[in-house]
């Protein structure tokens, strides 16, 4: 089962998590499509969750810039 929530919802609104089935299931790992490298990964890891990203913002930009050469 895939549940889409923003990291802000997970970390900032503890009331949401405490009153949802999502909270009862538990979080095994957080997977982000793009790590924007704005501190979100570190904030989630500080809460004790494993974080995996498919690609970082820097990698996206490097690929974008290389496509014209």
Protein backbone atom coordinates (compact mmCIF):
# COMPACT_ATOMS: atom_id res chain seq x y z
CA UNK A 1 0.00 0.00 0.00
CA UNK A 2 1.34 3.43 -0.92
CA UNK A 3 0.20 6.40 1.14
CA UNK A 4 1.03 9.88 -0.10
CA UNK A 5 1.63 12.48 2.59
CA UNK A 6 3.88 15.46 2.64
CA UNK A 7 6.80 15.43 5.04
CA UNK A 8 5.38 18.56 6.63
CA UNK A 9 2.20 16.67 7.50
CA UNK A 10 4.14 13.82 9.00
CA UNK A 11 6.47 15.92 11.09
CA UNK A 12 4.53 19.04 12.00
CA UNK A 13 1.00 17.80 12.54
CA UNK A 14 1.35 15.13 15.21
CA UNK A 15 -2.41 15.26 15.76
CA UNK A 16 -2.95 13.96 12.23
CA UNK A 17 -0.62 11.04 12.77
CA UNK A 18 -2.02 10.18 16.19
CA UNK A 19 -5.58 10.00 14.87
CA UNK A 20 -4.99 8.10 11.65
CA UNK A 21 -4.71 4.49 10.58
CA UNK A 22 -1.43 5.55 8.99
CA UNK A 23 0.03 6.05 12.44
CA UNK A 24 -1.14 2.62 13.57
CA UNK A 25 0.59 0.95 10.62
CA UNK A 26 3.95 2.52 11.44
CA UNK A 27 6.55 4.01 9.14
CA UNK A 28 9.21 1.66 7.84
CA UNK A 29 10.98 3.99 5.44
CA UNK A 30 10.34 7.32 3.72
CA UNK A 31 10.94 7.38 -0.04
CA UNK A 32 11.07 10.66 -1.93
CA UNK A 33 11.09 10.93 -5.68
CA UNK A 34 13.29 14.05 -5.58
CA UNK A 35 15.38 15.19 -2.62
CA UNK A 36 15.22 18.97 -3.00
CA UNK A 37 18.18 19.29 -0.64
CA UNK A 38 16.45 21.89 1.50
CA UNK A 39 16.83 20.13 4.85
CA UNK A 40 13.77 17.88 4.68
CA UNK A 41 15.79 14.68 4.55
CA UNK A 42 17.74 15.67 7.65
CA UNK A 43 14.56 16.64 9.51
CA UNK A 44 12.94 13.28 8.77
CA UNK A 45 16.10 11.37 9.71
CA UNK A 46 16.24 13.34 12.97
CA UNK A 47 12.80 11.90 13.76
CA UNK A 48 14.33 8.44 13.44
CA UNK A 49 13.09 7.40 9.98
CA UNK A 50 15.16 5.93 7.16
CA UNK A 51 15.05 8.12 4.07
CA UNK A 52 15.68 7.13 0.48
CA UNK A 53 15.47 9.40 -2.54
CA UNK A 54 15.35 8.37 -6.17
CA UNK A 55 17.26 11.43 -7.34
CA UNK A 56 18.52 14.72 -5.88
CA UNK A 57 17.90 18.21 -7.17
CA UNK A 58 21.59 18.51 -8.07
CA UNK A 59 21.41 15.33 -10.15
CA UNK A 60 18.33 16.62 -11.97
CA UNK A 61 20.04 19.92 -12.76
CA UNK A 62 23.25 18.18 -13.92
CA UNK A 63 21.26 16.01 -16.31
CA UNK A 64 19.29 19.00 -17.54
CA UNK A 65 22.42 21.03 -18.23
CA UNK A 66 24.16 18.12 -20.00
CA UNK A 67 21.27 17.53 -22.41
CA UNK A 68 22.18 20.64 -24.44
CA UNK A 69 25.81 19.62 -24.93
